[in-house]
Amino acid sequence: MKKAQFIIAAPSSNGGKTTLTLGILGALQKRKITVQPFKSGPDYIDPKFHELACNKTGINLDMFLMQPEHLQETYQHYIQEATVACIEGVMGLFDGSVKSQGSTAHLAKLLQLPVILVVDAKAMAYSAAPLLYGFKNFDPMLQIAGVIFNRVNTKSHYQFLIEACKDIGITPLGHLPFLKDCEIPSRHLGLSLTNLKQYQKAIDTLANATEKHIDIDKLLEVCTRPIKTTKHSVKAVNQTHFITAIAKDEAFNFCYQQNIKALERKGKVIFFSPLHDTKVPEADLVYLPGGYPECHLDTLVNNTSMQNSLQAYATSGGKIIAECGGMMYLGKNIIDKEGAIYPMVNVFDFDTSMEQMKLTLGYRCIQVQNIELKGHEFHYSNIINHQDISTVGQVTNARNQPTSTGVYKTQRVLASYIHLYFGTDDSLNHLLALI
C-alpha cells in the first residue's frame, strides 16, 4: 500500500512552516481527503491548530523524548486510517539539540520520508538557487522532494524562483502570497487558545490560497511512498480499575496524546476542570498538565471549593503529577505581571511569579532511583521561595549539563516545570513508581 507522506521544513524558524501546513491541511480537508497531521518536536500549540484545520489533532513525534522504535510505532499507528500523512517540522531543517541530532532532517531520515521545503522569498529572487543547492546537497541521505515559496506576490517574482529550482534540480510546487490577517499571533500568553475558533477564517483563507497557488496534486504525487510494514505495538485500551483524572479546560490543556493513551491503557481516564468544577473526581491519580493559569487567575482564586478539594486530596495521600502550569496552581501563590498576589492550592509552600518574565526552555532528563524520565521545559514565569522544598533526582539538559530545574515532591505529589513524556507503558510505570 502507498500513501502520500511528507515533512514540511524550512531553512529557519519563522519561515512559514505553520502557515503552509495549515493551508495544506485545510485544502485537503476541503477535498475530503483524510489527512493525519504530526508535529516534529515538543510543541503543544501547533497540533491544536492542526485539529482546527482538518479535524484531527497533530501527534508529536520527538526524536529526543521518544525512542526510535516507539516513534516509528506511533507514526505507523496513527497513519492507518489516513490517506495522507503531513508532518510539520520544527525550527530550521537541520537544527537539533546537538548539531542535527533530533532535528527535522533526523526525523525525515528515520521515517524515510521526503521533505517539502518552504522558503520565505519575500526579499529573494534568483539567490534562492545557492540556498536550495546547499540544502539539497548537504546531506545525501535526505530527499527534498519539492519546494514551496512563501510571501511571493507576483508572477514575475515566482518566475525567478522557478528558474532557480530548475537550475538546482528541485521541483517547484507553487507559492503563497502574503496574506493579510492570516498570521497566527504570538501564543506564549495563551491568547490564541482562549477561543481557537476565531482562527477558522484565517485557516479557510490559507486553504483557498493553497488550492489556488500550489500544485497539490503534484505534491501528493512526488511524496507518495509505500507504507512500511514494521510491526507496531501500540496497544488498544485495556480498562482496569485504575482511574486517572486529568485537568482539561482553558487554563490546563498541554498534554501529549501519547500520555493520555498510556493512561488509558493503565485504566480509565476522566477529565475535570479546575476552573469550572467544584471538586476533584474520585481517582487513583490526578494529572495537572501545563497551560495558562496566569490568564485565568480570578476564576482560579474564586473557585475555593476546587482548591480545598485538591488540597484535601493531596494531604490524604492522593497521587498527583503536576507540570508547569499545574505546578503553579499547586503552589502557595501566583504573582501576576503587576505584582498582584493570587492565592492558589498551597500544596507546595512556594510562589510562582510572572514579574520579570524570562523565557526558559529546553529538553530535560531526570535521573532518579535508577530511572530516567524525559521532558521539555518552556515557561516565562519563575519560581520563588522554593529553597526549602524537597526535590528528587538530578536534572540535565540535552547536552547532559546540569540545570537548576527542580522536581519537587511532597507526600505523593510530584511537580515540576518539566512537561513529561510518558507515552510508553514502561515510562508511565517508572513515573508512577516515584510517587
Protein backbone atom coordinates (compact mmCIF):
# COMPACT_ATOMS: atom_id res chain seq x y z
CA MET A 1 0.00 0.00 0.00
CA LYS A 2 1.17 3.52 -0.81
CA LYS A 3 0.26 6.85 0.77
CA ALA A 4 1.35 10.45 0.34
CA GLN A 5 3.70 11.18 3.25
CA PHE A 6 5.88 14.25 3.71
CA ILE A 7 7.57 16.59 6.16
CA ILE A 8 7.26 20.36 5.81
CA ALA A 9 10.56 22.01 6.72
CA ALA A 10 12.25 25.38 6.30
CA PRO A 11 15.77 26.84 6.35
CA SER A 12 14.98 28.62 9.64
CA SER A 13 12.28 29.34 12.16
CA ASN A 14 9.50 31.77 11.17
CA GLY A 15 9.81 30.79 7.52
CA GLY A 16 6.18 29.79 7.04
CA LYS A 17 6.02 26.14 8.13
CA THR A 18 2.86 26.55 10.21
CA THR A 19 1.20 28.76 7.59
CA LEU A 20 1.86 26.24 4.82
CA THR A 21 0.93 23.26 7.00
CA LEU A 22 -2.44 24.78 7.89
CA GLY A 23 -3.05 25.70 4.27
CA ILE A 24 -2.35 22.15 3.06
CA LEU A 25 -4.36 20.55 5.86
CA GLY A 26 -7.29 22.86 5.16
CA ALA A 27 -7.12 22.30 1.40
CA LEU A 28 -7.07 18.52 1.82
CA GLN A 29 -9.98 18.78 4.24
CA LYS A 30 -11.98 20.72 1.64
CA ARG A 31 -11.17 17.97 -0.88
CA LYS A 32 -12.50 15.44 1.65
CA ILE A 33 -9.09 13.71 1.78
CA THR A 34 -8.34 12.21 5.19
CA VAL A 35 -5.03 13.59 6.46
CA GLN A 36 -3.23 12.80 9.71
CA PRO A 37 -1.11 15.71 10.93
CA PHE A 38 2.00 15.39 13.07
CA LYS A 39 4.35 17.88 14.73
CA SER A 40 8.08 17.37 14.97
CA GLY A 41 9.31 18.35 18.41
CA PRO A 42 7.61 19.06 21.74
CA ASP A 43 5.23 21.86 20.68
CA TYR A 44 1.70 21.67 22.18
CA ILE A 45 0.06 24.54 20.36
CA ASP A 46 0.56 23.83 16.66
CA PRO A 47 -1.22 20.44 16.99
CA LYS A 48 -4.30 22.29 18.24
CA PHE A 49 -4.29 24.39 15.08
CA HIS A 50 -3.87 21.23 13.04
CA GLU A 51 -7.12 19.96 14.51
CA LEU A 52 -8.86 23.20 13.62
CA ALA A 53 -7.71 22.80 10.01
CA CYS A 54 -8.54 19.12 9.42
CA ASN A 55 -10.44 17.77 12.45
CA LYS A 56 -7.53 15.61 13.57
CA THR A 57 -5.15 16.58 16.37
CA GLY A 58 -1.50 16.69 15.41
CA ILE A 59 0.56 13.98 17.09
CA ASN A 60 4.01 14.87 18.42
CA LEU A 61 6.98 12.97 17.01
CA ASP A 62 10.00 13.92 19.08
CA MET A 63 13.45 12.43 18.49
CA PHE A 64 14.66 13.38 21.98
CA LEU A 65 11.66 12.35 24.05
CA MET A 66 10.88 9.14 22.17
CA GLN A 67 12.98 6.08 21.43
CA PRO A 68 13.26 5.42 17.66
CA GLU A 69 11.22 2.22 17.81
CA HIS A 70 8.44 3.89 19.81
CA LEU A 71 8.42 6.88 17.44
CA GLN A 72 8.13 4.63 14.39
CA GLU A 73 5.38 2.58 16.03
CA THR A 74 3.48 5.75 16.92
CA TYR A 75 3.72 7.07 13.36
CA GLN A 76 2.57 3.77 11.87
CA HIS A 77 -0.33 3.56 14.32
CA TYR A 78 -1.73 6.99 13.55
CA ILE A 79 -1.48 6.81 9.75
CA GLN A 80 -3.52 3.61 9.47
CA GLU A 81 -6.83 5.40 8.88
CA ALA A 82 -5.43 8.31 6.86
CA THR A 83 -4.82 8.81 3.15
CA VAL A 84 -2.12 11.46 3.66
CA ALA A 85 0.43 12.00 6.43
CA CYS A 86 1.65 15.59 6.90
CA ILE A 87 4.38 16.35 9.43
CA GLU A 88 5.15 19.94 10.39
CA GLY A 89 8.86 20.34 11.13
CA VAL A 90 10.50 22.33 13.87
CA MET A 91 12.98 25.23 13.65
CA GLY A 92 15.38 25.02 10.70
CA LEU A 93 15.64 21.73 8.82
CA PHE A 94 18.96 20.71 10.40
CA ASP A 95 18.55 22.40 13.81
CA GLY A 96 18.80 19.77 16.56
CA SER A 97 19.60 19.53 20.24
CA VAL A 98 23.21 18.74 19.35
CA LYS A 99 24.10 19.70 15.76
CA SER A 100 21.39 17.99 13.66
CA GLN A 101 20.59 15.32 16.26
CA GLY A 102 16.85 15.31 16.87
CA SER A 103 16.21 17.74 14.02
CA THR A 104 13.52 17.63 11.36
CA ALA A 105 16.11 16.18 8.99
CA HIS A 106 16.90 13.45 11.52
CA LEU A 107 13.21 12.60 11.76
CA ALA A 108 12.83 12.53 7.96
CA LYS A 109 15.68 10.04 7.66
CA LEU A 110 14.36 7.84 10.47
CA LEU A 111 10.93 7.60 8.85
CA GLN A 112 12.38 7.60 5.31
CA LEU A 113 10.09 10.44 4.26
CA PRO A 114 10.55 13.18 1.65
CA VAL A 115 10.90 16.82 2.67
CA ILE A 116 8.90 19.72 1.25
CA LEU A 117 10.99 22.84 1.81
CA VAL A 118 9.17 26.12 2.38
CA VAL A 119 11.32 29.16 1.67
CA ASP A 120 10.45 32.72 2.64
CA ALA A 121 11.21 34.52 -0.63
CA LYS A 122 9.93 37.98 0.28
CA ALA A 123 13.37 39.56 -0.27
CA MET A 124 14.85 36.93 -2.58
CA ALA A 125 14.81 36.06 -6.28
CA TYR A 126 17.46 34.00 -8.09
CA SER A 127 19.53 33.98 -4.87
CA ALA A 128 17.25 31.10 -3.92
CA ALA A 129 19.46 28.93 -6.15
CA PRO A 130 22.54 28.68 -3.87
CA LEU A 131 20.29 28.33 -0.82
CA LEU A 132 18.45 25.41 -2.44
CA TYR A 133 21.73 23.91 -3.64
CA GLY A 134 23.08 23.87 -0.09
CA PHE A 135 20.01 22.25 1.42
CA LYS A 136 19.77 19.70 -1.38
CA ASN A 137 23.40 18.60 -1.19
CA PHE A 138 24.33 19.00 2.47
CA ASP A 139 23.05 15.53 3.41
CA PRO A 140 22.85 12.99 0.54
CA MET A 141 20.66 10.70 2.67
CA LEU A 142 17.90 13.34 2.79
CA GLN A 143 15.44 13.71 -0.07
CA ILE A 144 13.99 17.15 -0.77
CA ALA A 145 11.02 16.31 -2.99
CA GLY A 146 9.96 19.87 -3.73
CA VAL A 147 9.93 23.48 -2.65
CA ILE A 148 7.14 25.97 -1.98
CA PHE A 149 7.91 29.67 -1.73
CA ASN A 150 6.24 31.89 0.84
CA ARG A 151 5.34 35.60 0.53
CA VAL A 152 5.56 35.79 -3.27
CA ASN A 153 3.08 38.29 -4.68
CA THR A 154 3.77 38.45 -8.43
CA LYS A 155 4.17 36.02 -11.33
CA SER A 156 7.43 37.67 -12.37
CA HIS A 157 8.86 37.14 -8.87
CA TYR A 158 7.82 33.50 -8.93
CA GLN A 159 9.39 33.04 -12.37
CA PHE A 160 12.84 33.90 -10.94
CA LEU A 161 12.26 31.28 -8.26
CA ILE A 162 11.16 28.64 -10.79
CA GLU A 163 14.38 29.25 -12.75
CA ALA A 164 16.40 28.78 -9.56
CA CYS A 165 14.64 25.46 -8.89
CA LYS A 166 15.26 24.19 -12.45
CA ASP A 167 18.96 25.01 -12.30
CA ILE A 168 19.33 23.17 -8.99
CA GLY A 169 17.09 20.23 -9.90
CA ILE A 170 14.37 20.69 -7.27
CA THR A 171 10.68 20.54 -8.17
CA PRO A 172 8.82 23.85 -7.66
CA LEU A 173 5.36 23.14 -6.27
CA GLY A 174 3.97 26.67 -6.08
CA HIS A 175 3.92 29.66 -3.82
CA LEU A 176 1.84 31.51 -1.28
CA PRO A 177 1.33 35.28 -1.50
CA PHE A 178 1.46 37.47 1.54
CA LEU A 179 -1.99 37.10 3.09
CA LYS A 180 -3.19 39.88 5.34
CA ASP A 181 -4.81 38.83 8.63
CA CYS A 182 -3.65 35.21 8.23
CA GLU A 183 -0.68 35.26 10.55
CA ILE A 184 -1.09 33.39 13.82
CA PRO A 185 -0.09 35.88 16.56
CA SER A 186 2.33 35.24 19.40
CA ARG A 187 0.90 32.48 21.56
CA HIS A 188 3.08 32.46 24.67
CA LEU A 189 0.43 34.20 26.77
CA GLY A 190 -2.35 31.87 25.75
CA LEU A 191 -4.29 34.45 23.79
CA SER A 192 -4.78 32.10 20.85
CA LEU A 193 -6.13 29.24 22.96
CA THR A 194 -8.95 31.11 24.67
CA ASN A 195 -11.06 30.92 21.54
CA LEU A 196 -9.36 28.83 18.89
CA LYS A 197 -12.31 29.06 16.54
CA GLN A 198 -11.52 32.73 15.92
CA TYR A 199 -8.76 31.49 13.60
CA GLN A 200 -11.03 29.36 11.43
CA LYS A 201 -11.50 32.20 8.94
CA ALA A 202 -7.73 32.64 8.59
CA ILE A 203 -7.27 28.89 8.04
CA ASP A 204 -10.02 28.88 5.41
CA THR A 205 -8.25 31.74 3.62
CA LEU A 206 -4.96 29.82 3.75
CA ALA A 207 -6.66 26.70 2.41
CA ASN A 208 -8.17 28.60 -0.52
CA ALA A 209 -4.84 30.26 -1.32
CA THR A 210 -3.09 26.88 -1.15
CA GLU A 211 -5.59 25.39 -3.60
CA LYS A 212 -5.11 28.32 -5.95
CA HIS A 213 -1.34 28.78 -5.90
CA ILE A 214 0.10 25.35 -5.01
CA ASP A 215 0.00 22.22 -7.17
CA ILE A 216 -1.46 19.90 -4.55
CA ASP A 217 -1.85 17.01 -6.99
CA LYS A 218 1.85 17.22 -7.86
CA LEU A 219 2.74 17.48 -4.17
CA LEU A 220 0.86 14.29 -3.37
CA GLU A 221 2.35 12.56 -6.41
CA VAL A 222 6.01 13.26 -5.62
CA CYS A 223 5.50 12.34 -1.96
CA THR A 224 3.67 9.02 -2.38
CA ARG A 225 5.63 6.23 -0.73
CA PRO A 226 4.99 2.62 0.31
CA ILE A 227 3.79 2.18 3.86
CA LYS A 228 6.45 0.44 5.90
CA THR A 229 5.23 -2.90 7.18
CA THR A 230 7.01 -2.73 10.52
CA LYS A 231 5.02 -4.38 13.26
CA HIS A 232 3.72 -1.70 15.61
CA SER A 233 2.81 -2.48 19.19
CA VAL A 234 0.68 0.48 20.31
CA LYS A 235 -1.80 -1.39 22.45
CA ALA A 236 -5.52 -0.95 22.47
CA VAL A 237 -7.26 0.48 25.50
CA ASN A 238 -7.43 -2.08 28.31
CA GLN A 239 -9.69 -0.75 31.05
CA THR A 240 -8.86 -1.69 34.63
CA HIS A 241 -9.94 -0.31 37.99
CA PHE A 242 -7.17 2.36 37.92
CA ILE A 243 -8.75 5.79 37.36
CA THR A 244 -6.86 8.90 36.25
CA ALA A 245 -8.48 12.35 36.46
CA ILE A 246 -6.89 14.81 34.02
CA ALA A 247 -7.38 18.56 34.29
CA LYS A 248 -8.61 19.93 30.97
CA ASP A 249 -10.02 23.41 30.38
CA GLU A 250 -8.92 26.85 29.17
CA ALA A 251 -6.21 27.05 31.85
CA PHE A 252 -4.84 23.49 31.68
CA ASN A 253 -4.59 21.77 28.32
CA PHE A 254 -0.98 20.96 27.39
CA CYS A 255 -0.87 17.18 27.23
CA TYR A 256 0.75 14.77 24.79
CA GLN A 257 -1.82 12.49 23.19
CA GLN A 258 0.51 9.55 23.79
CA ASN A 259 0.47 10.31 27.54
CA ILE A 260 -3.31 10.10 27.55
CA LYS A 261 -3.23 6.85 25.60
CA ALA A 262 -0.75 5.36 28.08
CA LEU A 263 -3.03 6.34 30.96
CA GLU A 264 -5.98 4.79 29.11
CA ARG A 265 -4.06 1.55 28.79
CA LYS A 266 -3.44 1.74 32.54
CA GLY A 267 -7.13 2.18 33.28
CA LYS A 268 -9.97 4.64 32.92
CA VAL A 269 -9.35 8.31 32.10
CA ILE A 270 -11.79 11.05 33.06
CA PHE A 271 -11.47 14.81 32.66
CA PHE A 272 -12.31 17.65 35.03
CA SER A 273 -11.97 21.44 35.11
CA PRO A 274 -10.17 23.30 37.90
CA LEU A 275 -11.84 26.44 36.54
CA HIS A 276 -15.44 25.30 36.44
CA ASP A 277 -15.89 22.15 38.58
CA THR A 278 -16.26 22.23 42.34
CA LYS A 279 -14.24 19.18 43.36
CA VAL A 280 -11.75 16.61 42.17
CA PRO A 281 -13.34 13.40 40.86
CA GLU A 282 -12.66 10.18 42.70
CA ALA A 283 -9.45 8.86 41.16
CA ASP A 284 -6.27 6.92 41.82
CA LEU A 285 -4.20 9.61 40.10
CA VAL A 286 -4.73 13.28 39.34
CA TYR A 287 -2.80 14.72 36.40
CA LEU A 288 -2.46 18.51 36.23
CA PRO A 289 -0.80 19.31 32.88
CA GLY A 290 0.55 22.66 31.83
CA GLY A 291 -1.36 25.53 30.32
CA TYR A 292 -2.07 29.17 31.11
CA PRO A 293 -3.27 29.53 34.71
CA GLU A 294 -1.83 33.06 34.71
CA CYS A 295 -4.55 34.04 32.20
CA HIS A 296 -7.37 32.82 34.48
CA LEU A 297 -6.26 33.88 37.94
CA ASP A 298 -9.52 35.45 39.09
CA THR A 299 -11.52 32.33 38.24
CA LEU A 300 -8.99 30.01 39.87
CA VAL A 301 -8.91 32.11 43.05
CA ASN A 302 -12.68 32.33 43.30
CA ASN A 303 -13.11 28.57 42.91
CA THR A 304 -12.16 27.87 46.53
CA SER A 305 -14.18 24.67 46.53
CA MET A 306 -11.88 23.11 43.93
CA GLN A 307 -8.79 24.41 45.71
CA ASN A 308 -9.93 22.88 49.00
CA SER A 309 -10.79 19.61 47.27
CA LEU A 310 -7.35 19.35 45.66
CA GLN A 311 -5.59 20.19 48.90
CA ALA A 312 -7.61 17.57 50.77
CA TYR A 313 -6.85 15.01 48.07
CA ALA A 314 -3.11 15.69 48.38
CA THR A 315 -2.98 15.69 52.18
CA SER A 316 -4.90 12.41 52.34
CA GLY A 317 -2.23 10.66 50.26
CA GLY A 318 -3.68 11.09 46.77
CA LYS A 319 -1.25 10.75 43.88
CA ILE A 320 -0.73 13.90 41.78
CA ILE A 321 1.51 14.65 38.82
CA ALA A 322 1.71 18.39 38.09
CA GLU A 323 3.57 20.03 35.21
CA CYS A 324 4.41 23.69 34.70
CA GLY A 325 1.02 25.46 34.91
CA GLY A 326 -0.26 22.56 37.02
CA MET A 327 2.69 23.03 39.39
CA MET A 328 2.00 26.77 39.58
CA TYR A 329 -1.59 26.00 40.59
CA LEU A 330 -0.40 23.74 43.42
CA GLY A 331 1.87 26.45 44.82
CA LYS A 332 1.04 28.93 47.56
CA ASN A 333 0.52 31.95 45.27
CA ILE A 334 0.77 33.06 41.65
CA ILE A 335 2.01 36.64 41.26
CA ASP A 336 0.94 38.40 38.07
CA LYS A 337 2.95 40.85 35.95
CA GLU A 338 1.85 43.82 38.04
CA GLY A 339 2.81 42.16 41.32
CA ALA A 340 -0.72 41.25 42.45
CA ILE A 341 -0.85 38.08 44.55
CA TYR A 342 -3.39 35.31 43.86
CA PRO A 343 -3.66 32.51 46.45
CA MET A 344 -3.58 29.01 44.99
CA VAL A 345 -3.96 25.46 46.34
CA ASN A 346 -0.94 25.65 48.72
CA VAL A 347 0.15 22.03 48.42
CA PHE A 348 3.67 23.43 47.98
CA ASP A 349 4.93 26.36 50.02
CA PHE A 350 6.42 28.26 47.10
CA ASP A 351 5.24 31.07 44.83
CA THR A 352 5.50 31.49 41.08
CA SER A 353 5.71 34.92 39.54
CA MET A 354 5.04 36.48 36.14
CA GLU A 355 7.09 39.55 37.10
CA GLN A 356 10.34 40.00 35.22
CA MET A 357 9.24 37.39 32.70
CA LYS A 358 12.09 35.47 31.10
CA LEU A 359 11.87 32.54 28.74
CA THR A 360 13.30 29.26 30.00
CA LEU A 361 13.17 26.36 27.58
CA GLY A 362 14.90 23.17 26.58
CA TYR A 363 14.85 19.41 26.79
CA ARG A 364 15.34 17.84 30.20
CA CYS A 365 16.45 14.44 31.50
CA ILE A 366 15.61 13.43 35.08
CA GLN A 367 17.70 10.75 36.75
CA VAL A 368 16.18 9.41 39.96
CA GLN A 369 16.34 5.99 41.64
CA ASN A 370 17.98 4.42 38.56
CA ILE A 371 15.06 5.69 36.47
CA GLU A 372 15.35 8.13 33.58
CA LEU A 373 12.45 10.37 32.63
CA LYS A 374 12.44 12.88 29.79
CA GLY A 375 10.51 16.05 29.13
CA HIS A 376 10.61 19.61 27.87
CA GLU A 377 10.68 22.87 29.80
CA PHE A 378 9.03 26.03 28.42
CA HIS A 379 7.84 28.89 30.64
CA TYR A 380 8.08 32.61 31.25
CA SER A 381 7.30 32.59 34.97
CA ASN A 382 9.84 31.97 37.71
CA ILE A 383 9.62 30.08 40.97
CA ILE A 384 10.47 31.84 44.24
CA ASN A 385 10.71 30.85 47.91
CA HIS A 386 11.40 27.24 46.93
CA GLN A 387 14.79 26.67 48.52
CA ASP A 388 13.44 24.62 51.42
CA ILE A 389 11.13 22.42 49.32
CA SER A 390 12.27 18.80 48.89
CA THR A 391 13.42 17.82 45.41
CA VAL A 392 14.18 14.46 43.83
CA GLY A 393 16.61 13.40 41.12
CA GLN A 394 19.19 15.18 39.01
CA VAL A 395 18.06 17.23 36.02
CA THR A 396 20.24 17.76 32.94
CA ASN A 397 19.69 19.28 29.51
CA ALA A 398 20.10 17.68 26.07
CA ARG A 399 23.88 18.13 26.30
CA ASN A 400 23.97 16.33 29.66
CA GLN A 401 24.72 19.58 31.52
CA PRO A 402 23.14 20.18 34.95
CA THR A 403 20.21 22.61 35.11
CA SER A 404 18.63 24.47 38.01
CA THR A 405 15.19 22.97 37.31
CA GLY A 406 13.72 21.32 40.40
CA VAL A 407 11.47 18.28 40.60
CA TYR A 408 9.50 18.88 43.81
CA LYS A 409 7.89 16.22 45.93
CA THR A 410 5.67 16.27 48.99
CA GLN A 411 3.72 13.25 50.22
CA ARG A 412 2.59 11.58 46.96
CA VAL A 413 2.68 14.73 44.83
CA LEU A 414 5.33 15.22 42.14
CA ALA A 415 5.60 18.62 40.46
CA SER A 416 7.99 20.41 38.12
CA TYR A 417 8.21 22.94 35.32
CA ILE A 418 9.01 19.98 33.05
CA HIS A 419 6.32 18.71 30.67
CA LEU A 420 6.98 14.98 30.97
CA TYR A 421 6.66 12.47 28.16
CA PHE A 422 5.42 9.07 29.36
CA GLY A 423 3.84 7.66 26.23
CA THR A 424 5.01 4.07 26.76
CA ASP A 425 3.80 1.67 29.42
CA ASP A 426 7.32 1.38 30.89
CA SER A 427 7.84 5.13 31.20
CA LEU A 428 4.42 5.58 32.82
CA ASN A 429 5.13 2.79 35.32
CA HIS A 430 8.53 4.31 36.11
CA LEU A 431 6.89 7.66 36.76
CA LEU A 432 4.20 6.16 39.00
CA ALA A 433 6.88 4.30 40.96
CA LEU A 434 8.29 7.67 42.06
CA ILE A 435 5.08 8.72 43.78
